[in-house]
């Protein structure tokens, strides 16, 4: 699949892509890469990308749509989801005519159309029959992830990060072996660890903080609890994180992550930032690539925190950091944590 992506990114675009298998996330990801490679701008992509559904059209109708010239651009993208459930004509004779029409098109596809046919898992016997047999040249399978540890390791490396061995073991123990969940959780971890200077390495504590033995006890749930102004929930989640990796180290990680969290909210409160396009806002917040996905979370959180709230929180986090470094006295880490949460929500 890496070679396929490399070809697309280098401008080698096939007129047809037949993507089948249960890993919908990877198929969606590839479709997004193709879309970006075809169109010079998002406005061109929006007006010339057509999403169709197999149960709503026959092969003949699909060929007719693929043969229509695009508007204002040299290419159009047609994505057919549930292609394996494409509507069949009412008679066998009509079915034969539609299959033949589709086969002729696939043999000589329109140069101005890129056709992505997305199907679920297809039986080995069925895939050798029409219409699937006509697509053999353009076939790309996306089977269930059988080695989630290897897949997770490779996905992290694609972003320039590397799992420590014990971190990878913990990660694969807690995550369902699906591409969607693996990729989304890795993006969360990278977002979390990117606030830390040093090597781009994912450690076991990073996994515990972001995924955790229970999804209830991680820093992303802590964000939500802060937004909901729940002192009980914030304290409970934080204490569980500290129990997972040690009192002082756990609290230090919480302080570091929340400092980044509140600084991002502070930047979002500035009028000159609010007027910028979302892509520019993401860069200002230090969200790059797929981390831009988390911008919507931050934009939602700004409704719960005023500029004064964020400045007060940053000051409280600075004091907690100073205490952990021995510059300010405190009885113990749990006391310091509860004091911090009261200040953040005060």
Protein backbone atom coordinates (compact mmCIF):
# COMPACT_ATOMS: atom_id res chain seq x y z
CA UNK A 1 0.00 0.00 0.00
CA UNK A 2 2.96 2.33 0.59
CA UNK A 3 3.92 2.07 -3.09
CA UNK A 4 0.35 2.97 -4.09
CA UNK A 5 0.42 6.09 -1.88
CA UNK A 6 3.84 7.04 -3.21
CA UNK A 7 2.58 6.87 -6.80
CA UNK A 8 -0.44 9.01 -5.99
CA UNK A 9 1.62 11.63 -4.18
CA UNK A 10 4.04 11.76 -7.12
CA UNK A 11 1.16 12.45 -9.51
CA UNK A 12 0.62 8.96 -10.94
CA UNK A 13 -3.17 8.76 -10.76
CA UNK A 14 -5.10 5.73 -11.96
CA UNK A 15 -8.50 6.33 -13.64
CA UNK A 16 -10.07 3.63 -11.44
CA UNK A 17 -9.46 2.39 -7.90
CA UNK A 18 -11.32 -0.66 -6.63
CA UNK A 19 -10.87 -0.70 -2.85
CA UNK A 20 -12.39 -3.59 -0.94
CA UNK A 21 -12.17 -5.10 2.51
CA UNK A 22 -13.31 -4.33 6.07
CA UNK A 23 -10.74 -1.64 6.96
CA UNK A 24 -12.86 1.39 6.04
CA UNK A 25 -10.50 3.88 7.70
CA UNK A 26 -7.62 3.02 5.36
CA UNK A 27 -9.90 3.19 2.33
CA UNK A 28 -11.15 6.61 3.42
CA UNK A 29 -7.58 7.75 3.99
CA UNK A 30 -6.53 6.67 0.50
CA UNK A 31 -9.56 8.39 -1.04
CA UNK A 32 -8.56 11.61 0.74
CA UNK A 33 -5.00 11.35 -0.63
CA UNK A 34 -6.35 10.82 -4.16
CA UNK A 35 -8.72 13.78 -3.78
CA UNK A 36 -5.89 16.08 -2.65
CA UNK A 37 -3.67 14.92 -5.51
CA UNK A 38 -6.33 15.56 -8.16
CA UNK A 39 -7.54 19.02 -7.22
CA UNK A 40 -5.43 22.16 -6.78
CA UNK A 41 -7.79 23.69 -4.20
CA UNK A 42 -10.50 22.70 -1.76
CA UNK A 43 -13.11 24.69 -3.71
CA UNK A 44 -12.31 22.70 -6.87
CA UNK A 45 -12.51 19.47 -4.88
CA UNK A 46 -15.84 20.40 -3.29
CA UNK A 47 -17.53 21.18 -6.62
CA UNK A 48 -16.14 18.20 -8.51
CA UNK A 49 -16.28 15.37 -5.98
CA UNK A 50 -19.41 13.23 -6.19
CA UNK A 51 -20.31 10.67 -3.52
CA UNK A 52 -22.66 7.95 -4.77
CA UNK A 53 -24.05 4.81 -3.12
CA UNK A 54 -24.26 1.39 -4.74
CA UNK A 55 -27.87 0.62 -3.75
CA UNK A 56 -28.99 3.84 -5.49
CA UNK A 57 -27.63 3.18 -8.99
CA UNK A 58 -26.94 0.48 -11.57
CA UNK A 59 -23.70 -0.16 -13.41
CA UNK A 60 -25.14 1.53 -16.48
CA UNK A 61 -26.10 4.65 -14.53
CA UNK A 62 -22.63 4.73 -12.98
CA UNK A 63 -21.00 4.62 -16.42
CA UNK A 64 -23.23 7.47 -17.58
CA UNK A 65 -22.20 9.64 -14.62
CA UNK A 66 -18.51 8.80 -15.08
CA UNK A 67 -18.77 9.78 -18.75
CA UNK A 68 -20.08 13.28 -18.03
CA UNK A 69 -17.51 16.07 -18.32
CA UNK A 70 -16.57 17.92 -15.12
CA UNK A 71 -17.30 21.60 -14.59
CA UNK A 72 -14.46 24.14 -14.51
CA UNK A 73 -11.70 21.59 -13.82
CA UNK A 74 -9.88 19.01 -15.88
CA UNK A 75 -10.83 16.16 -13.53
CA UNK A 76 -13.75 14.94 -11.48
CA UNK A 77 -13.76 12.41 -8.66
CA UNK A 78 -16.57 9.92 -8.26
CA UNK A 79 -16.63 7.82 -5.10
CA UNK A 80 -19.07 4.91 -5.02
CA UNK A 81 -19.60 3.56 -1.53
CA UNK A 82 -21.16 0.12 -0.98
CA UNK A 83 -20.16 -0.80 -4.50
CA UNK A 84 -20.68 -4.46 -3.59
CA UNK A 85 -24.38 -3.67 -3.09
CA UNK A 86 -24.86 -1.89 -6.41
CA UNK A 87 -28.45 -2.04 -7.70
CA UNK A 88 -29.26 -4.76 -10.19
CA UNK A 89 -31.64 -4.24 -13.15
CA UNK A 90 -34.98 -6.03 -13.09
CA UNK A 91 -34.19 -8.67 -15.76
CA UNK A 92 -31.21 -10.87 -16.55
CA UNK A 93 -31.02 -9.42 -20.06
CA UNK A 94 -30.77 -5.89 -18.71
CA UNK A 95 -28.22 -7.07 -16.14
CA UNK A 96 -26.08 -8.46 -18.96
CA UNK A 97 -26.31 -5.19 -20.90
CA UNK A 98 -25.29 -3.15 -17.87
CA UNK A 99 -22.39 -5.49 -17.07
CA UNK A 100 -21.14 -5.24 -20.65
CA UNK A 101 -21.43 -1.45 -20.60
CA UNK A 102 -19.49 -1.32 -17.34
CA UNK A 103 -16.79 -3.70 -18.64
CA UNK A 104 -16.34 -1.57 -21.79
CA UNK A 105 -15.94 1.55 -19.66
CA UNK A 106 -13.36 -0.08 -17.37
CA UNK A 107 -11.40 -1.20 -20.46
CA UNK A 108 -11.34 2.39 -21.72
CA UNK A 109 -12.15 4.74 -18.82
CA UNK A 110 -12.72 8.47 -19.29
CA UNK A 111 -9.51 10.43 -18.87
CA UNK A 112 -11.32 13.23 -17.02
CA UNK A 113 -12.81 10.98 -14.32
CA UNK A 114 -11.18 9.24 -11.38
CA UNK A 115 -13.49 6.51 -10.14
CA UNK A 116 -13.13 5.10 -6.63
CA UNK A 117 -15.21 1.98 -6.02
CA UNK A 118 -15.42 1.17 -2.31
CA UNK A 119 -16.69 -2.26 -1.29
CA UNK A 120 -16.79 -4.33 1.88
CA UNK A 121 -15.28 -7.81 2.10
CA UNK A 122 -16.04 -9.85 -1.02
CA UNK A 123 -16.05 -13.63 -1.20
CA UNK A 124 -13.19 -15.15 -3.22
CA UNK A 125 -15.61 -16.80 -5.62
CA UNK A 126 -17.67 -13.63 -6.10
CA UNK A 127 -14.67 -11.46 -6.83
CA UNK A 128 -13.95 -13.53 -9.92
CA UNK A 129 -17.40 -12.72 -11.32
CA UNK A 130 -18.70 -9.55 -13.01
CA UNK A 131 -18.55 -6.71 -12.22
CA UNK A 132 -15.59 -7.38 -9.90
CA UNK A 133 -13.66 -9.49 -12.41
CA UNK A 134 -13.52 -6.50 -14.78
CA UNK A 135 -11.67 -4.56 -12.07
CA UNK A 136 -8.79 -6.96 -11.50
CA UNK A 137 -6.25 -4.45 -12.81
CA UNK A 138 -7.42 -1.82 -10.32
CA UNK A 139 -7.98 -4.07 -7.28
CA UNK A 140 -6.59 -3.12 -3.85
CA UNK A 141 -7.53 -5.17 -0.78
CA UNK A 142 -7.80 -3.80 2.77
CA UNK A 143 -8.04 -6.88 5.02
CA UNK A 144 -8.42 -6.95 8.79
CA UNK A 145 -5.24 -5.91 10.61
CA UNK A 146 -3.59 -9.19 11.63
CA UNK A 147 -0.46 -7.74 13.26
CA UNK A 148 -1.64 -4.64 15.18
CA UNK A 149 1.76 -4.16 16.84
CA UNK A 150 3.56 -3.96 13.50
CA UNK A 151 0.84 -1.76 12.02
CA UNK A 152 0.94 0.62 15.02
CA UNK A 153 4.74 0.80 14.90
CA UNK A 154 4.71 1.65 11.19
CA UNK A 155 2.00 4.29 11.62
CA UNK A 156 3.98 5.99 14.38
CA UNK A 157 7.11 5.98 12.19
CA UNK A 158 5.14 7.64 9.38
CA UNK A 159 4.73 10.63 11.72
CA UNK A 160 8.37 10.54 12.80
CA UNK A 161 7.74 8.84 16.15
CA UNK A 162 8.78 5.52 17.63
CA UNK A 163 7.26 3.30 20.31
CA UNK A 164 9.38 2.04 23.16
CA UNK A 165 8.98 -1.78 23.29
CA UNK A 166 6.98 -1.76 26.54
CA UNK A 167 4.85 1.11 25.23
CA UNK A 168 3.98 -0.83 22.09
CA UNK A 169 3.08 -3.87 24.18
CA UNK A 170 0.79 -1.78 26.40
CA UNK A 171 -0.75 0.00 23.42
CA UNK A 172 -1.69 -3.19 21.57
CA UNK A 173 -3.06 -4.67 24.80
CA UNK A 174 -5.53 -1.82 25.29
CA UNK A 175 -6.53 -1.02 21.70
CA UNK A 176 -8.97 -2.88 19.48
CA UNK A 177 -7.09 -4.23 16.39
CA UNK A 178 -8.77 -1.91 13.86
CA UNK A 179 -6.94 0.60 11.70
CA UNK A 180 -9.34 3.39 12.68
CA UNK A 181 -8.83 2.98 16.41
CA UNK A 182 -5.08 2.41 16.16
CA UNK A 183 -4.54 5.50 13.98
CA UNK A 184 -6.78 7.77 16.02
CA UNK A 185 -5.21 6.73 19.34
CA UNK A 186 -1.70 7.21 17.95
CA UNK A 187 -2.66 10.74 16.89
CA UNK A 188 -3.89 11.41 20.44
CA UNK A 189 -0.63 10.13 21.92
CA UNK A 190 1.48 12.21 19.53
CA UNK A 191 -0.60 15.28 20.37
CA UNK A 192 0.06 14.59 24.04
CA UNK A 193 3.77 13.81 23.77
CA UNK A 194 4.53 16.65 21.32
CA UNK A 195 4.31 19.05 24.27
CA UNK A 196 7.42 17.35 25.63
CA UNK A 197 10.83 18.34 24.36
CA UNK A 198 13.38 15.71 23.44
CA UNK A 199 13.24 12.54 21.37
CA UNK A 200 10.11 11.66 19.47
CA UNK A 201 9.56 8.50 21.46
CA UNK A 202 6.30 7.11 22.83
CA UNK A 203 6.78 5.66 26.30
CA UNK A 204 4.59 3.33 28.34
CA UNK A 205 3.48 6.22 30.64
CA UNK A 206 2.39 8.12 27.51
CA UNK A 207 0.17 5.19 26.57
CA UNK A 208 -1.24 4.93 30.10
CA UNK A 209 -1.99 8.67 30.14
CA UNK A 210 -3.72 8.75 26.76
CA UNK A 211 -5.31 5.33 26.54
CA UNK A 212 -5.07 3.84 29.98
CA UNK A 213 -6.46 0.66 31.43
CA UNK A 214 -9.84 2.39 31.38
CA UNK A 215 -10.79 4.98 28.77
CA UNK A 216 -12.23 7.02 31.64
CA UNK A 217 -8.80 7.71 33.09
CA UNK A 218 -6.71 9.62 30.54
CA UNK A 219 -5.78 13.23 29.87
CA UNK A 220 -8.31 13.66 27.07
CA UNK A 221 -11.12 12.73 29.45
CA UNK A 222 -9.56 15.14 31.93
CA UNK A 223 -9.94 17.93 29.34
CA UNK A 224 -13.66 17.13 29.04
CA UNK A 225 -14.08 17.07 32.82
CA UNK A 226 -12.41 20.49 33.14
CA UNK A 227 -14.71 21.84 30.46
CA UNK A 228 -17.69 20.45 32.38
CA UNK A 229 -16.42 22.12 35.58
CA UNK A 230 -16.59 18.85 37.54
CA UNK A 231 -14.12 18.96 40.43
CA UNK A 232 -15.01 15.43 41.51
CA UNK A 233 -14.41 13.96 38.04
CA UNK A 234 -11.23 16.00 37.42
CA UNK A 235 -9.75 14.89 40.73
CA UNK A 236 -10.77 11.24 40.21
CA UNK A 237 -9.29 11.02 36.71
CA UNK A 238 -6.08 12.75 37.81
CA UNK A 239 -5.64 10.47 40.82
CA UNK A 240 -6.10 7.39 38.64
CA UNK A 241 -3.47 8.65 36.20
CA UNK A 242 -1.09 9.23 39.10
CA UNK A 243 -1.76 5.72 40.44
CA UNK A 244 -0.90 4.24 37.04
CA UNK A 245 2.57 5.75 36.80
CA UNK A 246 3.64 7.06 40.19
CA UNK A 247 2.52 10.09 42.18
CA UNK A 248 5.16 12.68 41.32
CA UNK A 249 5.81 11.60 37.74
CA UNK A 250 2.10 11.30 37.02
CA UNK A 251 1.34 14.74 38.43
CA UNK A 252 4.25 16.19 36.47
CA UNK A 253 2.82 14.79 33.24
CA UNK A 254 -0.62 16.18 34.07
CA UNK A 255 0.81 19.65 34.76
CA UNK A 256 2.81 19.58 31.52
CA UNK A 257 -0.14 18.50 29.39
CA UNK A 258 -2.59 20.94 30.96
CA UNK A 259 -0.13 23.81 30.55
CA UNK A 260 -0.08 23.13 26.80
CA UNK A 261 -3.88 22.76 26.86
CA UNK A 262 -4.49 26.14 28.53
CA UNK A 263 -1.87 27.97 26.46
CA UNK A 264 -3.67 26.78 23.33
CA UNK A 265 -6.99 28.00 24.74
CA UNK A 266 -5.37 31.34 25.58
CA UNK A 267 -4.13 31.72 22.01
CA UNK A 268 -7.60 30.87 20.70
CA UNK A 269 -9.10 33.68 22.80
CA UNK A 270 -7.09 36.32 20.93
CA UNK A 271 -9.25 38.20 18.36
CA UNK A 272 -6.46 38.28 15.76
CA UNK A 273 -6.23 34.47 15.93
CA UNK A 274 -10.00 33.94 15.77
CA UNK A 275 -10.16 35.78 12.42
CA UNK A 276 -7.70 33.40 10.74
CA UNK A 277 -8.60 30.33 8.62
CA UNK A 278 -8.69 27.12 10.63
CA UNK A 279 -5.57 25.75 8.93
CA UNK A 280 -3.60 28.80 10.14
CA UNK A 281 -5.09 28.55 13.63
CA UNK A 282 -3.98 24.90 13.81
CA UNK A 283 -0.37 25.91 13.01
CA UNK A 284 -0.41 28.60 15.71
CA UNK A 285 -1.56 26.00 18.23
CA UNK A 286 1.16 23.59 17.11
CA UNK A 287 -1.27 21.12 15.55
CA UNK A 288 0.20 19.68 12.37
CA UNK A 289 -0.97 17.05 9.90
CA UNK A 290 -3.70 14.86 11.30
CA UNK A 291 -3.46 16.66 14.64
CA UNK A 292 -5.59 19.38 12.99
CA UNK A 293 -8.49 17.03 13.79
CA UNK A 294 -8.25 18.13 17.43
CA UNK A 295 -8.76 21.81 16.58
CA UNK A 296 -12.54 21.30 16.71
CA UNK A 297 -12.17 20.12 20.32
CA UNK A 298 -10.25 23.25 21.28
CA UNK A 299 -12.74 25.51 19.51
CA UNK A 300 -15.53 23.83 21.47
CA UNK A 301 -13.63 24.23 24.76
CA UNK A 302 -13.27 28.00 24.26
CA UNK A 303 -16.96 28.31 25.07
CA UNK A 304 -16.21 27.04 28.59
CA UNK A 305 -13.13 29.15 29.35
CA UNK A 306 -12.76 32.93 29.29
CA UNK A 307 -9.43 34.70 28.76
CA UNK A 308 -9.33 35.35 32.51
CA UNK A 309 -9.94 31.64 33.19
CA UNK A 310 -7.02 30.56 31.00
CA UNK A 311 -4.63 33.15 32.49
CA UNK A 312 -5.63 32.09 36.01
CA UNK A 313 -5.12 28.42 35.09
CA UNK A 314 -1.69 29.02 33.56
CA UNK A 315 -0.60 30.82 36.74
CA UNK A 316 -1.86 27.93 38.89
CA UNK A 317 -0.04 25.39 36.72
CA UNK A 318 3.16 27.44 36.93
CA UNK A 319 2.96 27.32 40.74
CA UNK A 320 2.34 23.55 40.69
CA UNK A 321 5.34 23.06 38.40
CA UNK A 322 7.51 25.16 40.74
CA UNK A 323 6.39 23.05 43.71
CA UNK A 324 7.26 19.79 41.91
CA UNK A 325 10.70 21.23 41.17
CA UNK A 326 11.25 21.98 44.88
CA UNK A 327 10.86 25.73 44.60
CA UNK A 328 7.66 25.88 46.65
CA UNK A 329 6.70 23.71 49.67
CA UNK A 330 3.83 21.20 49.58
CA UNK A 331 2.80 18.27 51.87
CA UNK A 332 2.41 15.57 49.20
CA UNK A 333 1.45 15.09 45.55
CA UNK A 334 -2.22 14.30 46.20
CA UNK A 335 -2.64 17.49 48.22
CA UNK A 336 -0.90 19.46 45.48
CA UNK A 337 -3.15 17.90 42.84
CA UNK A 338 -6.39 18.67 44.69
CA UNK A 339 -5.21 22.21 45.35
CA UNK A 340 -4.43 22.61 41.64
CA UNK A 341 -7.84 21.32 40.54
CA UNK A 342 -9.59 23.70 42.93
CA UNK A 343 -7.63 26.61 41.45
CA UNK A 344 -8.33 25.52 37.87
CA UNK A 345 -12.07 25.33 38.56
CA UNK A 346 -12.27 28.23 41.01
